[in-house]
Amino acid sequence: MGTPTGPQSRAGAAGTFCWLDLAASDLDAAQQFYRRVFGWNFRAQPALGGVFTRAALDGRDLAVSLYPLRRAQLEQGVPSHWTPYVQVPDVEVAVRGAQAAGGRTVIAPLEIPGIARIAVVQDAVGALVGLWQA
């Protein structure tokens, strides 16, 4: 899918963590924090009719993105949170496997053009984990 950048160029084996998303209540404050603490730089990238922010360090992609929580989420009191993604060979198969193991689908499989096919599931003990098909 597209030119290899970020996780596609260094994708690990299936079952390994490969990407992190930060859903932030204040995107500017989050960027300032990670810039000051870790020296990260940020660039906007369009996706799914909106924009998310990619993080880099010394010009190297970190396989990390930040995006603002939606107004409805903020009104419901959803806090800023990280979502880790695990590499899978087939996101639909992984979603069915998660459901069979007692999990539930939180975000159904969808395409992030030029980046990945993703989904988010809740595991059998209530934790969220993303599924990432490069």
Protein backbone atom coordinates (compact mmCIF):
# COMPACT_ATOMS: atom_id res chain seq x y z
CA MET A 1 0.00 0.00 0.00
CA GLY A 2 1.82 3.08 -1.16
CA THR A 3 5.45 3.93 -0.60
CA PRO A 4 6.97 2.15 2.40
CA THR A 5 7.31 4.59 5.29
CA GLY A 6 7.14 4.17 9.00
CA PRO A 7 5.93 0.76 10.10
CA GLN A 8 5.75 -0.74 6.60
CA SER A 9 9.50 -0.38 6.17
CA ARG A 10 10.28 -1.92 9.55
CA ALA A 11 7.22 -4.05 10.18
CA GLY A 12 7.88 -6.72 12.74
CA ALA A 13 6.60 -10.23 12.92
CA ALA A 14 2.92 -10.91 13.37
CA GLY A 15 2.00 -10.60 17.02
CA THR A 16 4.47 -7.80 17.78
CA PHE A 17 3.71 -4.19 18.65
CA CYS A 18 4.23 -1.92 15.63
CA TRP A 19 2.39 1.42 16.15
CA LEU A 20 1.06 3.74 18.86
CA ASP A 21 -1.76 6.28 18.71
CA LEU A 22 -2.37 9.04 21.24
CA ALA A 23 -5.92 10.37 21.38
CA ALA A 24 -5.37 13.75 23.05
CA SER A 25 -7.77 16.12 24.77
CA ASP A 26 -5.41 18.98 23.81
CA LEU A 27 -3.29 18.18 20.76
CA ASP A 28 -1.08 21.27 21.05
CA ALA A 29 -0.30 20.58 24.72
CA ALA A 30 0.48 16.93 23.93
CA GLN A 31 2.85 17.94 21.12
CA GLN A 32 4.60 20.47 23.38
CA PHE A 33 5.01 17.84 26.10
CA TYR A 34 6.52 15.16 23.83
CA ARG A 35 8.67 17.72 22.03
CA ARG A 36 10.14 18.97 25.34
CA VAL A 37 10.49 15.56 27.01
CA PHE A 38 11.70 13.42 24.08
CA GLY A 39 12.64 15.89 21.35
CA TRP A 40 9.92 14.62 19.01
CA ASN A 41 8.95 16.63 15.93
CA PHE A 42 5.52 16.51 14.34
CA ARG A 43 3.95 16.78 10.91
CA ALA A 44 0.31 16.73 9.90
CA GLN A 45 -0.92 13.99 7.57
CA PRO A 46 -4.40 13.78 6.04
CA ALA A 47 -6.39 10.58 6.63
CA LEU A 48 -10.05 9.57 6.55
CA GLY A 49 -11.24 13.08 5.77
CA GLY A 50 -9.35 14.55 8.71
CA VAL A 51 -5.79 15.07 9.85
CA PHE A 52 -3.58 13.26 12.31
CA THR A 53 -0.08 14.13 13.42
CA ARG A 54 2.95 11.87 12.85
CA ALA A 55 5.85 11.91 15.30
CA ALA A 56 9.52 11.73 14.31
CA LEU A 57 12.86 11.92 16.07
CA ASP A 58 15.94 13.19 14.24
CA GLY A 59 14.06 12.84 10.95
CA ARG A 60 13.15 9.19 11.61
CA ASP A 61 9.49 8.15 11.74
CA LEU A 62 8.52 6.74 15.15
CA ALA A 63 5.38 4.81 14.12
CA VAL A 64 3.48 7.12 16.48
CA SER A 65 0.53 9.34 15.68
CA LEU A 66 -1.46 11.85 17.69
CA TYR A 67 -5.00 13.01 17.02
CA PRO A 68 -7.55 15.08 18.92
CA LEU A 69 -10.39 13.45 20.79
CA ARG A 70 -13.74 14.30 19.20
CA ARG A 71 -16.03 16.81 20.91
CA ALA A 72 -18.52 14.06 21.83
CA GLN A 73 -15.72 12.07 23.49
CA LEU A 74 -14.60 15.11 25.47
CA GLU A 75 -18.19 15.79 26.56
CA GLN A 76 -18.45 12.18 27.76
CA GLY A 77 -15.28 12.60 29.82
CA VAL A 78 -13.07 10.31 27.73
CA PRO A 79 -9.50 11.03 28.87
CA SER A 80 -6.45 11.26 26.66
CA HIS A 81 -5.16 7.75 26.08
CA TRP A 82 -2.65 5.66 24.14
CA THR A 83 -3.66 2.76 21.89
CA PRO A 84 -0.94 0.24 20.99
CA TYR A 85 -1.24 -1.70 17.73
CA VAL A 86 -0.12 -5.28 17.12
CA GLN A 87 0.96 -6.46 13.65
CA VAL A 88 -1.42 -9.03 12.15
CA PRO A 89 -1.37 -10.69 8.72
CA ASP A 90 -5.15 -10.24 8.22
CA VAL A 91 -7.12 -7.75 10.31
CA GLU A 92 -10.53 -9.37 9.62
CA VAL A 93 -9.25 -12.79 10.75
CA ALA A 94 -7.70 -11.20 13.85
CA VAL A 95 -11.00 -9.47 14.74
CA ARG A 96 -12.87 -12.77 14.47
CA GLY A 97 -10.19 -14.43 16.60
CA ALA A 98 -10.51 -11.73 19.25
CA GLN A 99 -14.28 -12.16 19.34
CA ALA A 100 -13.96 -15.95 19.61
CA ALA A 101 -11.55 -15.47 22.53
CA GLY A 102 -14.05 -13.37 24.50
CA GLY A 103 -13.20 -9.92 23.17
CA ARG A 104 -15.35 -7.44 21.31
CA THR A 105 -14.89 -5.14 18.36
CA VAL A 106 -14.62 -1.46 19.28
CA ILE A 107 -13.65 -0.14 15.83
CA ALA A 108 -14.43 -2.39 12.88
CA PRO A 109 -11.70 -2.94 10.27
CA LEU A 110 -11.04 0.14 8.16
CA GLU A 111 -8.45 1.32 5.67
CA ILE A 112 -6.06 4.18 6.42
CA PRO A 113 -5.07 4.85 2.79
CA GLY A 114 -1.38 4.38 2.11
CA ILE A 115 -0.67 3.35 5.71
CA ALA A 116 -2.51 0.27 6.99
CA ARG A 117 -5.74 -1.57 7.55
CA ILE A 118 -6.67 -1.33 11.24
CA ALA A 119 -9.25 -2.28 13.85
CA VAL A 120 -9.50 -1.88 17.62
CA VAL A 121 -10.70 -4.64 19.91
CA GLN A 122 -11.33 -4.91 23.63
CA ASP A 123 -9.73 -7.99 25.12
CA ALA A 124 -11.35 -10.44 27.56
CA VAL A 125 -10.31 -8.30 30.56
CA GLY A 126 -11.40 -4.94 29.14
CA ALA A 127 -8.14 -3.53 27.73
CA LEU A 128 -8.07 -2.00 24.25
CA VAL A 129 -5.58 -3.08 21.62
CA GLY A 130 -5.29 -2.10 17.98
CA LEU A 131 -4.81 -4.55 15.13
CA TRP A 132 -2.51 -3.44 12.31
CA GLN A 133 -2.26 -4.98 8.84
CA ALA A 134 0.48 -3.16 6.91
